[in-house]
Amino acid sequence: MKQNPADIVKEYWNRMQSNDFAYAAEMFSDQVVIDWPQSHERITGKANFIAINTEYPANGRWEFTLEEIVCDGNKVVTVVLITDSVVQAKAITFSTIENGLIIQQTEYWPEDYPAPENRKHLVEPLK
């Protein structure tokens, strides 16, 4: 049974939850390209994906919580909360699916920052 692109990306995040990055990489094409625009980095191929995730310092097991998923054709966008019990991060990932595999991802890692005082009278805090 052929999976739709949203299901493929959900399975990828489920596999990331295992912290077995080779297992997660099975959802990628052999020539996957992953871009991190904020740090001007490109990860090319499964082996580099596995290595960068395996070598990344962590304070424990990584936990991944899929907050939102939007799919349009073969393009899927996810918002995922990520933690190792100390680091708290959010990844916004744009994935492209082809032949049942992820062929490309562009991932943004936004960081919180304090709201400017000059607009405090126009907003309310998010919880």
N, C-alpha and C. Protein backbone atom coordinates (compact mmCIF):
# COMPACT_ATOMS: atom_id res chain seq x y z
N MET A 1 0.83 -1.18 0.00
CA MET A 1 0.00 0.00 0.00
C MET A 1 0.88 1.25 0.00
N LYS A 2 0.64 2.15 -0.91
CA LYS A 2 1.42 3.37 -1.04
C LYS A 2 1.01 4.37 0.04
N GLN A 3 1.99 4.89 0.75
CA GLN A 3 1.73 5.89 1.78
C GLN A 3 1.66 7.28 1.15
N ASN A 4 0.80 8.13 1.72
CA ASN A 4 0.78 9.51 1.25
C ASN A 4 1.93 10.27 1.90
N PRO A 5 2.32 11.42 1.32
CA PRO A 5 3.47 12.17 1.83
C PRO A 5 3.38 12.51 3.33
N ALA A 6 2.20 12.86 3.82
CA ALA A 6 2.07 13.19 5.24
C ALA A 6 2.39 11.97 6.11
N ASP A 7 1.94 10.80 5.71
CA ASP A 7 2.22 9.59 6.47
C ASP A 7 3.71 9.25 6.46
N ILE A 8 4.38 9.51 5.35
CA ILE A 8 5.82 9.26 5.26
C ILE A 8 6.57 10.15 6.24
N VAL A 9 6.20 11.41 6.31
CA VAL A 9 6.88 12.34 7.22
C VAL A 9 6.53 12.00 8.68
N LYS A 10 5.29 11.62 8.95
CA LYS A 10 4.94 11.19 10.31
C LYS A 10 5.79 9.99 10.73
N GLU A 11 5.97 9.05 9.81
CA GLU A 11 6.80 7.87 10.11
C GLU A 11 8.25 8.28 10.37
N TYR A 12 8.75 9.25 9.61
CA TYR A 12 10.10 9.76 9.85
C TYR A 12 10.24 10.27 11.28
N TRP A 13 9.29 11.11 11.73
CA TRP A 13 9.37 11.66 13.09
C TRP A 13 9.18 10.56 14.12
N ASN A 14 8.35 9.57 13.86
CA ASN A 14 8.22 8.43 14.78
C ASN A 14 9.55 7.70 14.92
N ARG A 15 10.24 7.52 13.81
CA ARG A 15 11.54 6.86 13.84
C ARG A 15 12.59 7.72 14.55
N MET A 16 12.54 9.02 14.38
CA MET A 16 13.47 9.90 15.10
C MET A 16 13.30 9.72 16.61
N GLN A 17 12.08 9.48 17.05
CA GLN A 17 11.79 9.28 18.47
C GLN A 17 12.59 8.10 19.04
N SER A 18 12.94 7.14 18.21
CA SER A 18 13.70 5.97 18.66
C SER A 18 15.15 6.32 18.99
N ASN A 19 15.63 7.48 18.51
CA ASN A 19 17.02 7.89 18.63
C ASN A 19 17.96 6.96 17.85
N ASP A 20 17.40 6.15 16.97
CA ASP A 20 18.17 5.31 16.06
C ASP A 20 18.15 6.04 14.72
N PHE A 21 19.19 6.83 14.47
CA PHE A 21 19.18 7.73 13.33
C PHE A 21 19.36 7.00 12.00
N ALA A 22 19.95 5.82 12.03
CA ALA A 22 20.02 5.00 10.81
C ALA A 22 18.62 4.51 10.45
N TYR A 23 17.86 4.14 11.46
CA TYR A 23 16.47 3.71 11.25
C TYR A 23 15.65 4.86 10.67
N ALA A 24 15.80 6.05 11.21
CA ALA A 24 15.08 7.23 10.69
C ALA A 24 15.50 7.53 9.26
N ALA A 25 16.79 7.36 8.97
CA ALA A 25 17.32 7.67 7.64
C ALA A 25 16.77 6.74 6.56
N GLU A 26 16.18 5.62 6.94
CA GLU A 26 15.55 4.74 5.96
C GLU A 26 14.40 5.43 5.24
N MET A 27 13.91 6.54 5.81
CA MET A 27 12.82 7.29 5.18
C MET A 27 13.34 8.26 4.13
N PHE A 28 14.65 8.35 3.96
CA PHE A 28 15.28 9.25 3.00
C PHE A 28 15.70 8.51 1.73
N SER A 29 15.74 9.26 0.64
CA SER A 29 16.40 8.74 -0.55
C SER A 29 17.90 8.73 -0.27
N ASP A 30 18.65 7.95 -1.04
CA ASP A 30 20.10 7.87 -0.83
C ASP A 30 20.76 9.23 -1.02
N GLN A 31 20.21 10.05 -1.89
CA GLN A 31 20.80 11.36 -2.20
C GLN A 31 20.09 12.52 -1.48
N VAL A 32 19.47 12.26 -0.36
CA VAL A 32 18.74 13.30 0.36
C VAL A 32 19.62 14.53 0.58
N VAL A 33 18.99 15.70 0.50
CA VAL A 33 19.66 16.97 0.77
C VAL A 33 18.88 17.67 1.87
N ILE A 34 19.58 18.02 2.94
CA ILE A 34 18.95 18.69 4.08
C ILE A 34 19.65 20.03 4.27
N ASP A 35 18.87 21.11 4.18
CA ASP A 35 19.42 22.46 4.32
C ASP A 35 19.02 23.06 5.66
N TRP A 36 20.00 23.70 6.31
CA TRP A 36 19.79 24.49 7.51
C TRP A 36 20.17 25.92 7.16
N PRO A 37 19.22 26.70 6.61
CA PRO A 37 19.54 28.05 6.13
C PRO A 37 20.11 28.99 7.19
N GLN A 38 19.69 28.86 8.43
CA GLN A 38 20.13 29.80 9.45
C GLN A 38 21.63 29.69 9.73
N SER A 39 22.18 28.48 9.61
CA SER A 39 23.62 28.30 9.83
C SER A 39 24.37 28.10 8.52
N HIS A 40 23.66 28.23 7.41
CA HIS A 40 24.27 28.12 6.07
C HIS A 40 24.96 26.77 5.87
N GLU A 41 24.24 25.68 6.28
CA GLU A 41 24.80 24.34 6.16
C GLU A 41 23.90 23.45 5.31
N ARG A 42 24.54 22.52 4.62
CA ARG A 42 23.82 21.51 3.83
C ARG A 42 24.37 20.14 4.21
N ILE A 43 23.46 19.23 4.50
CA ILE A 43 23.80 17.84 4.78
C ILE A 43 23.39 17.05 3.54
N THR A 44 24.34 16.34 2.95
CA THR A 44 24.07 15.59 1.74
C THR A 44 24.25 14.10 2.02
N GLY A 45 23.21 13.33 1.79
CA GLY A 45 23.28 11.88 1.93
C GLY A 45 22.94 11.37 3.31
N LYS A 46 22.49 10.11 3.33
CA LYS A 46 22.08 9.47 4.57
C LYS A 46 23.22 9.37 5.59
N ALA A 47 24.42 9.01 5.11
CA ALA A 47 25.54 8.80 6.04
C ALA A 47 25.85 10.06 6.82
N ASN A 48 25.84 11.21 6.17
CA ASN A 48 26.12 12.46 6.88
C ASN A 48 24.99 12.82 7.84
N PHE A 49 23.74 12.54 7.46
CA PHE A 49 22.60 12.76 8.37
C PHE A 49 22.78 11.92 9.64
N ILE A 50 23.10 10.64 9.46
CA ILE A 50 23.27 9.74 10.60
C ILE A 50 24.41 10.24 11.48
N ALA A 51 25.54 10.60 10.87
CA ALA A 51 26.71 11.04 11.63
C ALA A 51 26.44 12.32 12.41
N ILE A 52 25.83 13.32 11.77
CA ILE A 52 25.62 14.59 12.46
C ILE A 52 24.67 14.44 13.64
N ASN A 53 23.68 13.58 13.51
CA ASN A 53 22.75 13.35 14.61
C ASN A 53 23.36 12.48 15.70
N THR A 54 24.18 11.51 15.33
CA THR A 54 24.83 10.64 16.31
C THR A 54 25.89 11.41 17.11
N GLU A 55 26.61 12.29 16.44
CA GLU A 55 27.70 13.03 17.09
C GLU A 55 27.22 14.26 17.86
N TYR A 56 25.98 14.69 17.65
CA TYR A 56 25.49 15.90 18.32
C TYR A 56 25.41 15.65 19.82
N PRO A 57 25.99 16.54 20.64
CA PRO A 57 25.96 16.32 22.09
C PRO A 57 24.54 16.40 22.64
N ALA A 58 24.22 15.49 23.56
CA ALA A 58 22.88 15.46 24.14
C ALA A 58 22.98 15.17 25.63
N ASN A 59 21.98 15.63 26.36
CA ASN A 59 21.91 15.42 27.81
C ASN A 59 21.04 14.22 28.17
N GLY A 60 20.66 13.46 27.19
CA GLY A 60 19.79 12.31 27.38
C GLY A 60 19.16 11.95 26.05
N ARG A 61 18.13 11.13 26.10
CA ARG A 61 17.43 10.75 24.87
C ARG A 61 16.70 11.96 24.29
N TRP A 62 16.72 12.04 22.97
CA TRP A 62 15.96 13.08 22.30
C TRP A 62 14.50 12.67 22.23
N GLU A 63 13.62 13.60 22.53
CA GLU A 63 12.17 13.41 22.44
C GLU A 63 11.64 14.35 21.36
N PHE A 64 10.75 13.85 20.52
CA PHE A 64 10.19 14.61 19.42
C PHE A 64 8.67 14.60 19.53
N THR A 65 8.06 15.78 19.57
CA THR A 65 6.61 15.90 19.65
C THR A 65 6.11 16.63 18.41
N LEU A 66 5.41 15.91 17.57
CA LEU A 66 4.85 16.50 16.35
C LEU A 66 3.65 17.35 16.74
N GLU A 67 3.78 18.66 16.56
CA GLU A 67 2.73 19.60 16.94
C GLU A 67 1.76 19.89 15.81
N GLU A 68 2.30 19.95 14.58
CA GLU A 68 1.47 20.33 13.45
C GLU A 68 2.06 19.74 12.17
N ILE A 69 1.15 19.39 11.25
CA ILE A 69 1.59 18.89 9.95
C ILE A 69 0.63 19.42 8.89
N VAL A 70 1.20 19.92 7.79
CA VAL A 70 0.42 20.43 6.67
C VAL A 70 1.00 19.80 5.41
N CYS A 71 0.13 19.30 4.57
CA CYS A 71 0.57 18.62 3.36
C CYS A 71 -0.13 19.22 2.15
N ASP A 72 0.64 19.45 1.09
CA ASP A 72 0.10 19.92 -0.19
C ASP A 72 0.85 19.15 -1.29
N GLY A 73 0.19 18.18 -1.85
CA GLY A 73 0.84 17.36 -2.87
C GLY A 73 2.00 16.59 -2.26
N ASN A 74 3.19 16.76 -2.83
CA ASN A 74 4.36 16.04 -2.31
C ASN A 74 5.19 16.89 -1.34
N LYS A 75 4.64 18.02 -0.90
CA LYS A 75 5.32 18.91 0.06
C LYS A 75 4.64 18.79 1.43
N VAL A 76 5.44 18.64 2.46
CA VAL A 76 4.93 18.48 3.82
C VAL A 76 5.68 19.43 4.74
N VAL A 77 4.94 20.13 5.59
CA VAL A 77 5.54 21.03 6.58
C VAL A 77 5.16 20.52 7.96
N THR A 78 6.17 20.42 8.84
CA THR A 78 5.89 20.01 10.21
C THR A 78 6.47 21.02 11.19
N VAL A 79 5.82 21.09 12.35
CA VAL A 79 6.34 21.82 13.50
C VAL A 79 6.53 20.78 14.58
N VAL A 80 7.78 20.65 15.05
CA VAL A 80 8.12 19.60 16.00
C VAL A 80 8.85 20.22 17.18
N LEU A 81 8.42 19.86 18.39
CA LEU A 81 9.13 20.25 19.61
C LEU A 81 10.16 19.16 19.91
N ILE A 82 11.37 19.58 20.27
CA ILE A 82 12.48 18.65 20.47
C ILE A 82 13.15 18.97 21.80
N THR A 83 13.41 17.93 22.59
CA THR A 83 14.10 18.13 23.85
C THR A 83 14.96 16.92 24.19
N ASP A 84 16.03 17.17 24.92
CA ASP A 84 16.84 16.10 25.51
C ASP A 84 16.77 16.20 27.03
N SER A 85 15.77 16.85 27.53
CA SER A 85 15.46 17.14 28.94
C SER A 85 16.13 18.43 29.42
N VAL A 86 17.11 18.95 28.69
CA VAL A 86 17.73 20.23 29.02
C VAL A 86 17.48 21.22 27.89
N VAL A 87 17.84 20.85 26.68
CA VAL A 87 17.60 21.67 25.50
C VAL A 87 16.12 21.61 25.14
N GLN A 88 15.53 22.77 24.89
CA GLN A 88 14.15 22.86 24.42
C GLN A 88 14.19 23.58 23.08
N ALA A 89 13.81 22.90 22.01
CA ALA A 89 13.90 23.50 20.68
C ALA A 89 12.64 23.22 19.89
N LYS A 90 12.51 23.97 18.80
CA LYS A 90 11.41 23.78 17.87
C LYS A 90 12.02 23.74 16.47
N ALA A 91 11.58 22.76 15.68
CA ALA A 91 12.03 22.68 14.29
C ALA A 91 10.82 22.83 13.38
N ILE A 92 10.96 23.70 12.42
CA ILE A 92 9.96 23.83 11.36
C ILE A 92 10.61 23.28 10.11
N THR A 93 10.05 22.17 9.62
CA THR A 93 10.70 21.40 8.56
C THR A 93 9.81 21.32 7.33
N PHE A 94 10.39 21.67 6.19
CA PHE A 94 9.73 21.58 4.90
C PHE A 94 10.33 20.36 4.19
N SER A 95 9.53 19.35 3.92
CA SER A 95 10.01 18.12 3.30
C SER A 95 9.38 17.94 1.93
N THR A 96 10.17 17.37 1.01
CA THR A 96 9.68 17.02 -0.32
C THR A 96 9.79 15.50 -0.46
N ILE A 97 8.69 14.89 -0.91
CA ILE A 97 8.60 13.44 -1.02
C ILE A 97 8.58 13.05 -2.49
N GLU A 98 9.33 11.99 -2.81
CA GLU A 98 9.32 11.46 -4.17
C GLU A 98 9.51 9.94 -4.09
N ASN A 99 8.66 9.21 -4.78
CA ASN A 99 8.73 7.74 -4.79
C ASN A 99 8.73 7.14 -3.38
N GLY A 100 7.93 7.72 -2.49
CA GLY A 100 7.78 7.19 -1.15
C GLY A 100 8.90 7.49 -0.18
N LEU A 101 9.82 8.38 -0.57
CA LEU A 101 10.94 8.73 0.30
C LEU A 101 11.11 10.24 0.37
N ILE A 102 11.71 10.71 1.45
CA ILE A 102 12.04 12.13 1.59
C ILE A 102 13.30 12.39 0.77
N ILE A 103 13.20 13.32 -0.18
CA ILE A 103 14.37 13.62 -1.03
C ILE A 103 15.03 14.94 -0.63
N GLN A 104 14.28 15.79 0.08
CA GLN A 104 14.83 17.10 0.44
C GLN A 104 14.13 17.61 1.69
N GLN A 105 14.90 18.26 2.56
CA GLN A 105 14.33 18.95 3.71
C GLN A 105 15.02 20.30 3.88
N THR A 106 14.23 21.29 4.25
CA THR A 106 14.77 22.57 4.69
C THR A 106 14.23 22.77 6.09
N GLU A 107 15.15 23.01 7.04
CA GLU A 107 14.75 23.02 8.44
C GLU A 107 15.17 24.33 9.10
N TYR A 108 14.23 24.92 9.79
CA TYR A 108 14.46 26.17 10.53
C TYR A 108 14.32 25.87 12.02
N TRP A 109 15.19 26.47 12.81
CA TRP A 109 15.23 26.29 14.26
C TRP A 109 15.05 27.66 14.93
N PRO A 110 13.82 28.15 15.00
CA PRO A 110 13.62 29.48 15.60
C PRO A 110 13.87 29.45 17.10
N GLU A 111 14.43 30.54 17.60
CA GLU A 111 14.67 30.67 19.04
C GLU A 111 13.77 31.77 19.59
N ASP A 112 13.32 31.56 20.83
CA ASP A 112 12.51 32.57 21.49
C ASP A 112 13.33 33.83 21.73
N TYR A 113 12.65 34.94 21.78
CA TYR A 113 13.28 36.21 22.14
C TYR A 113 12.24 37.08 22.83
N PRO A 114 12.68 37.99 23.67
CA PRO A 114 11.72 38.83 24.39
C PRO A 114 11.01 39.81 23.45
N ALA A 115 9.72 39.99 23.69
CA ALA A 115 8.94 40.94 22.88
C ALA A 115 9.38 42.37 23.20
N PRO A 116 9.46 43.22 22.18
CA PRO A 116 9.82 44.62 22.41
C PRO A 116 8.77 45.34 23.26
N GLU A 117 9.23 46.17 24.15
CA GLU A 117 8.35 46.91 25.04
C GLU A 117 7.41 47.85 24.27
N ASN A 118 7.86 48.40 23.13
CA ASN A 118 7.07 49.42 22.44
C ASN A 118 5.79 48.88 21.80
N ARG A 119 5.57 47.59 21.82
CA ARG A 119 4.31 47.06 21.30
C ARG A 119 3.50 46.30 22.36
N LYS A 120 3.95 46.40 23.59
CA LYS A 120 3.30 45.68 24.68
C LYS A 120 1.82 46.02 24.79
N HIS A 121 1.45 47.26 24.48
CA HIS A 121 0.07 47.70 24.59
C HIS A 121 -0.81 47.14 23.45
N LEU A 122 -0.21 46.49 22.46
CA LEU A 122 -0.95 45.98 21.30
C LEU A 122 -1.08 44.46 21.28
N VAL A 123 -0.46 43.78 22.23
CA VAL A 123 -0.42 42.31 22.20
C VAL A 123 -0.77 41.73 23.56
N GLU A 124 -0.98 40.44 23.57
CA GLU A 124 -1.10 39.71 24.84
C GLU A 124 -0.14 38.53 24.78
N PRO A 125 0.40 38.10 25.90
CA PRO A 125 1.39 37.02 25.87
C PRO A 125 0.78 35.66 25.51
N LEU A 126 1.54 34.88 24.73
CA LEU A 126 1.16 33.50 24.46
C LEU A 126 1.54 32.65 25.65
N LYS A 127 0.79 31.64 25.89
CA LYS A 127 1.12 30.73 27.01
C LYS A 127 1.64 29.44 26.49
